[in-house]
Amino acid sequence: MAGQNLTNGPHVLSLQHNCRLVLFTDEAPIWNTNATATANPNADCYLALTQRGQLVVRHRVHYALWSSVPRSKKGKYALVLDAKGRIAVYGYRRWSTSNSNGFGGPDETYEETPADECVLHSGHRLSAGEKLRYKEYELGFWKCNLVINHTKSGRWLWQTNTKAAPAPVPAPKPSQSDCYLELENSGELKVKNGGQQLWSSNKRTDSGRHVAVLRFDGRLAVYGPLVWANVRMDDSMAIGSYDAVGSHFSAFI
């Protein structure tokens, strides 16, 4: 709705009261839709992400002031504001975990690493000790087992049931730090321990940019490929650049 913001560090996506969608970095406008409801500075407008992958600014419910791209295939899409100040739509949804009511957690506790990000981009990895987090849900490793944890109850809602295989003697035993989650450009998620694959989502799609999102309901879902972005995406997210990218997930359907 008008007056509401999506924020990621110094980057703010804001729908103004005149219905113009504006992206700010360090309080300076860097992009906007250049469409306003000029007849009423306090117009009743809102931003919607449709089932066809369109971002639409609407005025008085049905009147479209601006839209991002021609309609795509019907499905569930995701809007992401990343750490570089880019807004992008990914979809449709290709894969999702099927969370249970909760597994019992481990008998021993483990160290938590604070995190605010809930998005993993294709070509990047989530290493042991790192987490994706959305409100009371966390995605992270427990001894090479990738789990979704409900922090309020301490229950595991989903897990890969993976563990690191012992290395042959005299090689040292793999440590937890060798395990990581990787999202490939095909949209497939893989858990690996060094060069050994331990688990896969077994869901490949069209090659391109994808995102894995820890959703509001505690499920991990993959969206892609990229449908639209406000700027041309560079190669900083290409395979070979494996650090987790901090992004904020704003909307999905």
C-alpha atoms as a PDB file:
ATOM      1  CA  MET A   1       0.000   0.000   0.000  1.00  0.00           C
ATOM      2  CA  ALA A   2       1.036   3.651  -0.402  1.00  0.00           C
ATOM      3  CA  GLY A   3       3.449   4.734   2.335  1.00  0.00           C
ATOM      4  CA  GLN A   4       4.803   1.224   2.918  1.00  0.00           C
ATOM      5  CA  ASN A   5       8.442   0.274   2.278  1.00  0.00           C
ATOM      6  CA  LEU A   6      10.618  -2.738   1.532  1.00  0.00           C
ATOM      7  CA  THR A   7      14.093  -2.229   3.008  1.00  0.00           C
ATOM      8  CA  ASN A   8      17.472  -3.930   2.625  1.00  0.00           C
ATOM      9  CA  GLY A   9      20.294  -1.995   4.266  1.00  0.00           C
ATOM     10  CA  PRO A  10      20.532   1.430   2.573  1.00  0.00           C
ATOM     11  CA  HIS A  11      18.094   0.380  -0.158  1.00  0.00           C
ATOM     12  CA  VAL A  12      14.394   1.183   0.166  1.00  0.00           C
ATOM     13  CA  LEU A  13      11.597   0.395  -2.279  1.00  0.00           C
ATOM     14  CA  SER A  14       8.708   2.718  -1.503  1.00  0.00           C
ATOM     15  CA  LEU A  15       5.257   3.268  -2.958  1.00  0.00           C
ATOM     16  CA  GLN A  16       4.648   6.987  -2.650  1.00  0.00           C
ATOM     17  CA  HIS A  17       1.270   8.533  -1.854  1.00  0.00           C
ATOM     18  CA  ASN A  18       1.045   9.768  -5.449  1.00  0.00           C
ATOM     19  CA  CYS A  19       1.301   6.097  -6.590  1.00  0.00           C
ATOM     20  CA  ARG A  20       4.856   6.378  -7.906  1.00  0.00           C
ATOM     21  CA  LEU A  21       7.064   3.387  -7.048  1.00  0.00           C
ATOM     22  CA  VAL A  22      10.537   4.671  -6.107  1.00  0.00           C
ATOM     23  CA  LEU A  23      13.773   2.880  -5.230  1.00  0.00           C
ATOM     24  CA  PHE A  24      16.127   4.787  -2.906  1.00  0.00           C
ATOM     25  CA  THR A  25      19.757   4.158  -1.973  1.00  0.00           C
ATOM     26  CA  ASP A  26      21.088   6.172   0.977  1.00  0.00           C
ATOM     27  CA  GLU A  27      17.886   8.244   0.747  1.00  0.00           C
ATOM     28  CA  ALA A  28      18.604   9.265  -2.863  1.00  0.00           C
ATOM     29  CA  PRO A  29      16.149   8.115  -5.572  1.00  0.00           C
ATOM     30  CA  ILE A  30      17.862   5.852  -8.143  1.00  0.00           C
ATOM     31  CA  TRP A  31      14.854   4.412 -10.015  1.00  0.00           C
ATOM     32  CA  ASN A  32      11.132   5.030 -10.318  1.00  0.00           C
ATOM     33  CA  THR A  33       8.115   3.997 -12.383  1.00  0.00           C
ATOM     34  CA  ASN A  34       7.512   7.574 -13.572  1.00  0.00           C
ATOM     35  CA  ALA A  35       3.775   7.004 -13.274  1.00  0.00           C
ATOM     36  CA  THR A  36       1.586   8.917 -10.833  1.00  0.00           C
ATOM     37  CA  ALA A  37      -2.047   9.518 -10.023  1.00  0.00           C
ATOM     38  CA  THR A  38      -1.790  13.267 -10.555  1.00  0.00           C
ATOM     39  CA  ALA A  39      -5.435  14.019  -9.819  1.00  0.00           C
ATOM     40  CA  ASN A  40      -5.100  12.986  -6.205  1.00  0.00           C
ATOM     41  CA  PRO A  41      -1.868  13.301  -4.185  1.00  0.00           C
ATOM     42  CA  ASN A  42      -3.319  10.888  -1.611  1.00  0.00           C
ATOM     43  CA  ALA A  43      -4.570   8.342  -4.130  1.00  0.00           C
ATOM     44  CA  ASP A  44      -5.700   4.875  -3.094  1.00  0.00           C
ATOM     45  CA  CYS A  45      -2.966   2.803  -4.760  1.00  0.00           C
ATOM     46  CA  TYR A  46      -1.055  -0.405  -4.114  1.00  0.00           C
ATOM     47  CA  LEU A  47       1.651  -2.628  -5.598  1.00  0.00           C
ATOM     48  CA  ALA A  48       0.690  -6.177  -6.581  1.00  0.00           C
ATOM     49  CA  LEU A  49       2.643  -9.192  -7.832  1.00  0.00           C
ATOM     50  CA  THR A  50       0.311 -11.144 -10.079  1.00  0.00           C
ATOM     51  CA  GLN A  51       0.075 -14.857 -10.847  1.00  0.00           C
ATOM     52  CA  ARG A  52       1.543 -14.019 -14.257  1.00  0.00           C
ATOM     53  CA  GLY A  53       4.764 -12.585 -12.813  1.00  0.00           C
ATOM     54  CA  GLN A  54       3.867  -8.934 -13.320  1.00  0.00           C
ATOM     55  CA  LEU A  55       4.525  -6.160 -10.848  1.00  0.00           C
ATOM     56  CA  VAL A  56       1.565  -3.813 -11.150  1.00  0.00           C
ATOM     57  CA  VAL A  57       0.865  -0.479  -9.501  1.00  0.00           C
ATOM     58  CA  ARG A  58      -2.906  -0.169  -9.293  1.00  0.00           C
ATOM     59  CA  HIS A  59      -5.089   2.821  -8.516  1.00  0.00           C
ATOM     60  CA  ARG A  60      -8.642   2.504  -7.194  1.00  0.00           C
ATOM     61  CA  VAL A  61      -8.447  -1.309  -7.230  1.00  0.00           C
ATOM     62  CA  HIS A  62      -8.697  -1.993 -10.958  1.00  0.00           C
ATOM     63  CA  TYR A  63      -6.896   0.828 -12.809  1.00  0.00           C
ATOM     64  CA  ALA A  64      -3.264  -0.082 -13.690  1.00  0.00           C
ATOM     65  CA  LEU A  65      -0.863   2.879 -13.634  1.00  0.00           C
ATOM     66  CA  TRP A  66       2.270   0.827 -14.369  1.00  0.00           C
ATOM     67  CA  SER A  67       3.327  -2.792 -14.969  1.00  0.00           C
ATOM     68  CA  SER A  68       6.736  -4.409 -15.260  1.00  0.00           C
ATOM     69  CA  VAL A  69       6.639  -6.856 -18.190  1.00  0.00           C
ATOM     70  CA  PRO A  70       4.229  -8.750 -20.427  1.00  0.00           C
ATOM     71  CA  ARG A  71       2.478 -11.568 -18.619  1.00  0.00           C
ATOM     72  CA  SER A  72       4.323 -14.850 -18.068  1.00  0.00           C
ATOM     73  CA  LYS A  73       3.057 -18.351 -17.378  1.00  0.00           C
ATOM     74  CA  LYS A  74       0.556 -18.599 -14.544  1.00  0.00           C
ATOM     75  CA  GLY A  75       2.186 -19.646 -11.287  1.00  0.00           C
ATOM     76  CA  LYS A  76       3.708 -18.457  -8.032  1.00  0.00           C
ATOM     77  CA  TYR A  77       6.363 -15.731  -8.245  1.00  0.00           C
ATOM     78  CA  ALA A  78       8.769 -13.951  -5.888  1.00  0.00           C
ATOM     79  CA  LEU A  79       9.820 -10.297  -5.630  1.00  0.00           C
ATOM     80  CA  VAL A  80      13.315  -9.725  -4.209  1.00  0.00           C
ATOM     81  CA  LEU A  81      15.225  -6.587  -3.209  1.00  0.00           C
ATOM     82  CA  ASP A  82      18.874  -7.648  -3.080  1.00  0.00           C
ATOM     83  CA  ALA A  83      21.875  -6.252  -1.240  1.00  0.00           C
ATOM     84  CA  LYS A  84      23.007  -4.354  -4.343  1.00  0.00           C
ATOM     85  CA  GLY A  85      19.777  -2.375  -4.519  1.00  0.00           C
ATOM     86  CA  ARG A  86      18.202  -4.281  -7.407  1.00  0.00           C
ATOM     87  CA  ILE A  87      14.586  -5.370  -7.511  1.00  0.00           C
ATOM     88  CA  ALA A  88      13.751  -8.509  -9.454  1.00  0.00           C
ATOM     89  CA  VAL A  89      10.885 -10.917 -10.048  1.00  0.00           C
ATOM     90  CA  TYR A  90      11.628 -14.658 -10.170  1.00  0.00           C
ATOM     91  CA  GLY A  91       9.341 -17.501 -11.057  1.00  0.00           C
ATOM     92  CA  TYR A  92       7.357 -19.357 -11.259  1.00  0.00           C
ATOM     93  CA  ARG A  93       7.852 -21.560  -8.166  1.00  0.00           C
ATOM     94  CA  ARG A  94       9.665 -24.731  -9.215  1.00  0.00           C
ATOM     95  CA  TRP A  95      10.214 -26.666  -5.986  1.00  0.00           C
ATOM     96  CA  SER A  96       9.320 -26.467  -2.314  1.00  0.00           C
ATOM     97  CA  THR A  97       9.918 -28.444   0.851  1.00  0.00           C
ATOM     98  CA  SER A  98       6.998 -30.334   2.361  1.00  0.00           C
ATOM     99  CA  ASN A  99       7.309 -29.455   6.003  1.00  0.00           C
ATOM    100  CA  SER A 100       5.905 -31.756   8.631  1.00  0.00           C
ATOM    101  CA  ASN A 101       4.453 -30.683  11.956  1.00  0.00           C
ATOM    102  CA  GLY A 102       7.918 -30.953  13.424  1.00  0.00           C
ATOM    103  CA  PHE A 103      10.749 -33.366  14.122  1.00  0.00           C
ATOM    104  CA  GLY A 104      12.367 -33.619  17.490  1.00  0.00           C
ATOM    105  CA  GLY A 105      15.475 -31.498  17.674  1.00  0.00           C
ATOM    106  CA  PRO A 106      18.935 -32.850  18.535  1.00  0.00           C
ATOM    107  CA  ASP A 107      19.780 -33.824  22.093  1.00  0.00           C
ATOM    108  CA  GLU A 108      22.732 -31.448  22.184  1.00  0.00           C
ATOM    109  CA  THR A 109      22.705 -27.759  21.370  1.00  0.00           C
ATOM    110  CA  TYR A 110      24.754 -26.067  18.667  1.00  0.00           C
ATOM    111  CA  GLU A 111      26.100 -22.563  18.202  1.00  0.00           C
ATOM    112  CA  GLU A 112      23.831 -20.193  16.336  1.00  0.00           C
ATOM    113  CA  THR A 113      25.178 -17.674  13.835  1.00  0.00           C
ATOM    114  CA  PRO A 114      22.924 -14.594  13.539  1.00  0.00           C
ATOM    115  CA  ALA A 115      21.574 -13.906  10.057  1.00  0.00           C
ATOM    116  CA  ASP A 116      18.901 -11.688   8.565  1.00  0.00           C
ATOM    117  CA  GLU A 117      18.855 -12.977   5.005  1.00  0.00           C
ATOM    118  CA  CYS A 118      16.195 -15.326   3.688  1.00  0.00           C
ATOM    119  CA  VAL A 119      17.296 -15.618   0.035  1.00  0.00           C
ATOM    120  CA  LEU A 120      20.007 -17.701  -1.645  1.00  0.00           C
ATOM    121  CA  HIS A 121      20.842 -16.795  -5.258  1.00  0.00           C
ATOM    122  CA  SER A 122      21.833 -19.273  -7.941  1.00  0.00           C
ATOM    123  CA  GLY A 123      25.584 -19.690  -8.245  1.00  0.00           C
ATOM    124  CA  HIS A 124      25.994 -19.093  -4.517  1.00  0.00           C
ATOM    125  CA  ARG A 125      26.280 -21.373  -1.529  1.00  0.00           C
ATOM    126  CA  LEU A 126      25.208 -21.480   2.098  1.00  0.00           C
ATOM    127  CA  SER A 127      28.040 -22.916   4.180  1.00  0.00           C
ATOM    128  CA  ALA A 128      27.928 -24.625   7.556  1.00  0.00           C
ATOM    129  CA  GLY A 129      27.628 -21.956  10.253  1.00  0.00           C
ATOM    130  CA  GLU A 130      25.595 -19.671   7.970  1.00  0.00           C
ATOM    131  CA  LYS A 131      21.812 -19.455   8.017  1.00  0.00           C
ATOM    132  CA  LEU A 132      18.830 -18.229   6.086  1.00  0.00           C
ATOM    133  CA  ARG A 133      16.281 -16.723   8.450  1.00  0.00           C
ATOM    134  CA  TYR A 134      12.721 -15.474   8.180  1.00  0.00           C
ATOM    135  CA  LYS A 135      11.091 -14.459  11.447  1.00  0.00           C
ATOM    136  CA  GLU A 136      10.962 -17.612  13.627  1.00  0.00           C
ATOM    137  CA  TYR A 137      12.276 -19.955  10.908  1.00  0.00           C
ATOM    138  CA  GLU A 138      15.908 -20.805  10.192  1.00  0.00           C
ATOM    139  CA  LEU A 139      17.613 -22.905   7.535  1.00  0.00           C
ATOM    140  CA  GLY A 140      21.058 -24.200   8.434  1.00  0.00           C
ATOM    141  CA  PHE A 141      23.289 -27.222   8.954  1.00  0.00           C
ATOM    142  CA  TRP A 142      23.471 -29.656  11.845  1.00  0.00           C
ATOM    143  CA  LYS A 143      26.514 -31.874  11.157  1.00  0.00           C
ATOM    144  CA  CYS A 144      25.931 -31.799   7.370  1.00  0.00           C
ATOM    145  CA  ASN A 145      22.201 -32.353   7.837  1.00  0.00           C
ATOM    146  CA  LEU A 146      20.316 -29.384   6.336  1.00  0.00           C
ATOM    147  CA  VAL A 147      17.350 -28.530   8.547  1.00  0.00           C
ATOM    148  CA  ILE A 148      14.554 -25.979   8.811  1.00  0.00           C
ATOM    149  CA  ASN A 149      14.205 -25.094  12.474  1.00  0.00           C
ATOM    150  CA  HIS A 150      11.264 -23.419  14.181  1.00  0.00           C
ATOM    151  CA  THR A 151      13.160 -21.327  16.715  1.00  0.00           C
ATOM    152  CA  LYS A 152      10.217 -20.729  19.072  1.00  0.00           C
ATOM    153  CA  SER A 153       9.542 -24.436  19.617  1.00  0.00           C
ATOM    154  CA  GLY A 154      12.995 -25.797  18.775  1.00  0.00           C
ATOM    155  CA  ARG A 155      11.446 -28.348  16.400  1.00  0.00           C
ATOM    156  CA  TRP A 156      12.794 -29.350  13.050  1.00  0.00           C
ATOM    157  CA  LEU A 157      10.168 -28.918  10.340  1.00  0.00           C
ATOM    158  CA  TRP A 158      12.182 -30.426   7.486  1.00  0.00           C
ATOM    159  CA  GLN A 159      15.586 -32.028   6.959  1.00  0.00           C
ATOM    160  CA  THR A 160      17.679 -33.679   4.249  1.00  0.00           C
ATOM    161  CA  ASN A 161      18.759 -36.574   6.521  1.00  0.00           C
ATOM    162  CA  THR A 162      22.316 -36.227   5.257  1.00  0.00           C
ATOM    163  CA  LYS A 163      25.640 -36.695   6.994  1.00  0.00           C
ATOM    164  CA  ALA A 164      29.258 -36.523   5.944  1.00  0.00           C
ATOM    165  CA  ALA A 165      30.774 -39.880   5.004  1.00  0.00           C
ATOM    166  CA  PRO A 166      34.048 -40.701   6.824  1.00  0.00           C
ATOM    167  CA  ALA A 167      37.110 -39.979   4.721  1.00  0.00           C
ATOM    168  CA  PRO A 168      39.425 -42.886   3.866  1.00  0.00           C
ATOM    169  CA  VAL A 169      42.478 -43.335   6.063  1.00  0.00           C
ATOM    170  CA  PRO A 170      44.885 -41.527   6.292  1.00  0.00           C
ATOM    171  CA  ALA A 171      42.873 -38.536   5.065  1.00  0.00           C
ATOM    172  CA  PRO A 172      41.415 -36.394   7.883  1.00  0.00           C
ATOM    173  CA  LYS A 173      37.750 -36.806   8.716  1.00  0.00           C
ATOM    174  CA  PRO A 174      35.585 -34.150   7.040  1.00  0.00           C
ATOM    175  CA  SER A 175      34.401 -31.427   9.352  1.00  0.00           C
ATOM    176  CA  GLN A 176      31.052 -29.643   9.416  1.00  0.00           C
ATOM    177  CA  SER A 177      32.690 -26.704   7.641  1.00  0.00           C
ATOM    178  CA  ASP A 178      33.082 -28.830   4.494  1.00  0.00           C
ATOM    179  CA  CYS A 179      29.295 -29.055   4.007  1.00  0.00           C
ATOM    180  CA  TYR A 180      27.343 -26.499   2.031  1.00  0.00           C
ATOM    181  CA  LEU A 181      24.087 -25.923   0.162  1.00  0.00           C
ATOM    182  CA  GLU A 182      24.373 -24.747  -3.432  1.00  0.00           C
ATOM    183  CA  LEU A 183      21.704 -23.432  -5.803  1.00  0.00           C
ATOM    184  CA  GLU A 184      22.672 -24.096  -9.399  1.00  0.00           C
ATOM    185  CA  ASN A 185      21.640 -22.041 -12.438  1.00  0.00           C
ATOM    186  CA  SER A 186      19.307 -24.906 -13.371  1.00  0.00           C
ATOM    187  CA  GLY A 187      17.320 -24.254 -10.180  1.00  0.00           C
ATOM    188  CA  GLU A 188      18.502 -27.490  -8.558  1.00  0.00           C
ATOM    189  CA  LEU A 189      19.500 -27.398  -4.879  1.00  0.00           C
ATOM    190  CA  LYS A 190      22.377 -29.626  -3.779  1.00  0.00           C
ATOM    191  CA  VAL A 191      23.970 -30.420  -0.428  1.00  0.00           C
ATOM    192  CA  LYS A 192      27.650 -31.243  -0.829  1.00  0.00           C
ATOM    193  CA  ASN A 193      30.516 -32.221   1.428  1.00  0.00           C
ATOM    194  CA  GLY A 194      33.597 -31.090  -0.417  1.00  0.00           C
ATOM    195  CA  GLY A 195      33.212 -32.683  -3.856  1.00  0.00           C
ATOM    196  CA  GLN A 196      30.743 -35.328  -2.650  1.00  0.00           C
ATOM    197  CA  GLN A 197      27.034 -34.783  -3.319  1.00  0.00           C
ATOM    198  CA  LEU A 198      24.905 -35.804  -0.344  1.00  0.00           C
ATOM    199  CA  TRP A 199      21.455 -34.639  -1.428  1.00  0.00           C
ATOM    200  CA  SER A 200      19.620 -32.993  -4.320  1.00  0.00           C
ATOM    201  CA  SER A 201      16.172 -31.499  -4.846  1.00  0.00           C
ATOM    202  CA  ASN A 202      16.138 -33.403  -8.196  1.00  0.00           C
ATOM    203  CA  LYS A 203      14.280 -30.539  -9.856  1.00  0.00           C
ATOM    204  CA  ARG A 204      15.950 -28.866 -12.825  1.00  0.00           C
ATOM    205  CA  THR A 205      14.344 -26.106 -14.838  1.00  0.00           C
ATOM    206  CA  ASP A 206      15.308 -23.646 -17.553  1.00  0.00           C
ATOM    207  CA  SER A 207      18.842 -22.372 -17.110  1.00  0.00           C
ATOM    208  CA  GLY A 208      19.041 -18.871 -15.680  1.00  0.00           C
ATOM    209  CA  ARG A 209      19.015 -16.925 -12.447  1.00  0.00           C
ATOM    210  CA  HIS A 210      17.024 -18.537  -9.638  1.00  0.00           C
ATOM    211  CA  VAL A 211      16.458 -17.853  -5.944  1.00  0.00           C
ATOM    212  CA  ALA A 212      15.822 -20.175  -3.028  1.00  0.00           C
ATOM    213  CA  VAL A 213      13.618 -18.421  -0.484  1.00  0.00           C
ATOM    214  CA  LEU A 214      12.868 -19.291   3.126  1.00  0.00           C
ATOM    215  CA  ARG A 215       9.202 -18.336   3.149  1.00  0.00           C
ATOM    216  CA  PHE A 216       6.884 -16.858   5.780  1.00  0.00           C
ATOM    217  CA  ASP A 217       5.395 -20.332   6.385  1.00  0.00           C
ATOM    218  CA  GLY A 218       8.786 -21.956   7.071  1.00  0.00           C
ATOM    219  CA  ARG A 219       9.091 -23.672   3.710  1.00  0.00           C
ATOM    220  CA  LEU A 220      12.109 -23.410   1.444  1.00  0.00           C
ATOM    221  CA  ALA A 221      11.083 -22.774  -2.171  1.00  0.00           C
ATOM    222  CA  VAL A 222      12.931 -22.269  -5.454  1.00  0.00           C
ATOM    223  CA  TYR A 223      11.696 -19.634  -7.917  1.00  0.00           C
ATOM    224  CA  GLY A 224      13.029 -18.945 -11.392  1.00  0.00           C
ATOM    225  CA  PRO A 225      14.353 -18.170 -13.781  1.00  0.00           C
ATOM    226  CA  LEU A 226      14.517 -14.386 -13.646  1.00  0.00           C
ATOM    227  CA  VAL A 227      11.441 -12.773 -15.196  1.00  0.00           C
ATOM    228  CA  TRP A 228      12.165  -9.057 -14.748  1.00  0.00           C
ATOM    229  CA  ALA A 229      14.591  -6.684 -13.040  1.00  0.00           C
ATOM    230  CA  ASN A 230      14.735  -2.919 -12.795  1.00  0.00           C
ATOM    231  CA  VAL A 231      18.334  -2.927 -14.101  1.00  0.00           C
ATOM    232  CA  ARG A 232      20.458  -5.200 -16.250  1.00  0.00           C
ATOM    233  CA  MET A 233      21.897  -7.944 -14.064  1.00  0.00           C
ATOM    234  CA  ASP A 234      25.701  -8.211 -14.293  1.00  0.00           C
ATOM    235  CA  ASP A 235      27.880 -11.297 -13.869  1.00  0.00           C
ATOM    236  CA  SER A 236      28.420 -10.868 -10.129  1.00  0.00           C
ATOM    237  CA  MET A 237      25.946 -13.700  -9.537  1.00  0.00           C
ATOM    238  CA  ALA A 238      27.518 -16.117 -12.003  1.00  0.00           C
ATOM    239  CA  ILE A 239      28.702 -19.615 -11.090  1.00  0.00           C
ATOM    240  CA  GLY A 240      32.029 -19.397  -9.328  1.00  0.00           C
ATOM    241  CA  SER A 241      31.019 -16.604  -6.952  1.00  0.00           C
ATOM    242  CA  TYR A 242      29.869 -18.653  -4.012  1.00  0.00           C
ATOM    243  CA  ASP A 243      29.249 -16.322  -1.096  1.00  0.00           C
ATOM    244  CA  ALA A 244      25.691 -16.109   0.192  1.00  0.00           C
ATOM    245  CA  VAL A 245      24.048 -12.910  -1.033  1.00  0.00           C
ATOM    246  CA  GLY A 246      21.975 -10.961   1.451  1.00  0.00           C
ATOM    247  CA  SER A 247      18.535 -10.227   0.054  1.00  0.00           C
ATOM    248  CA  HIS A 248      15.143  -9.417   1.386  1.00  0.00           C
ATOM    249  CA  PHE A 249      12.082 -11.203   0.141  1.00  0.00           C
ATOM    250  CA  SER A 250       9.031  -9.026  -0.078  1.00  0.00           C
ATOM    251  CA  ALA A 251       6.190 -10.838  -1.767  1.00  0.00           C
ATOM    252  CA  PHE A 252       5.200 -14.098  -3.343  1.00  0.00           C
ATOM    253  CA  ILE A 253       2.000 -15.769  -4.522  1.00  0.00           C
END
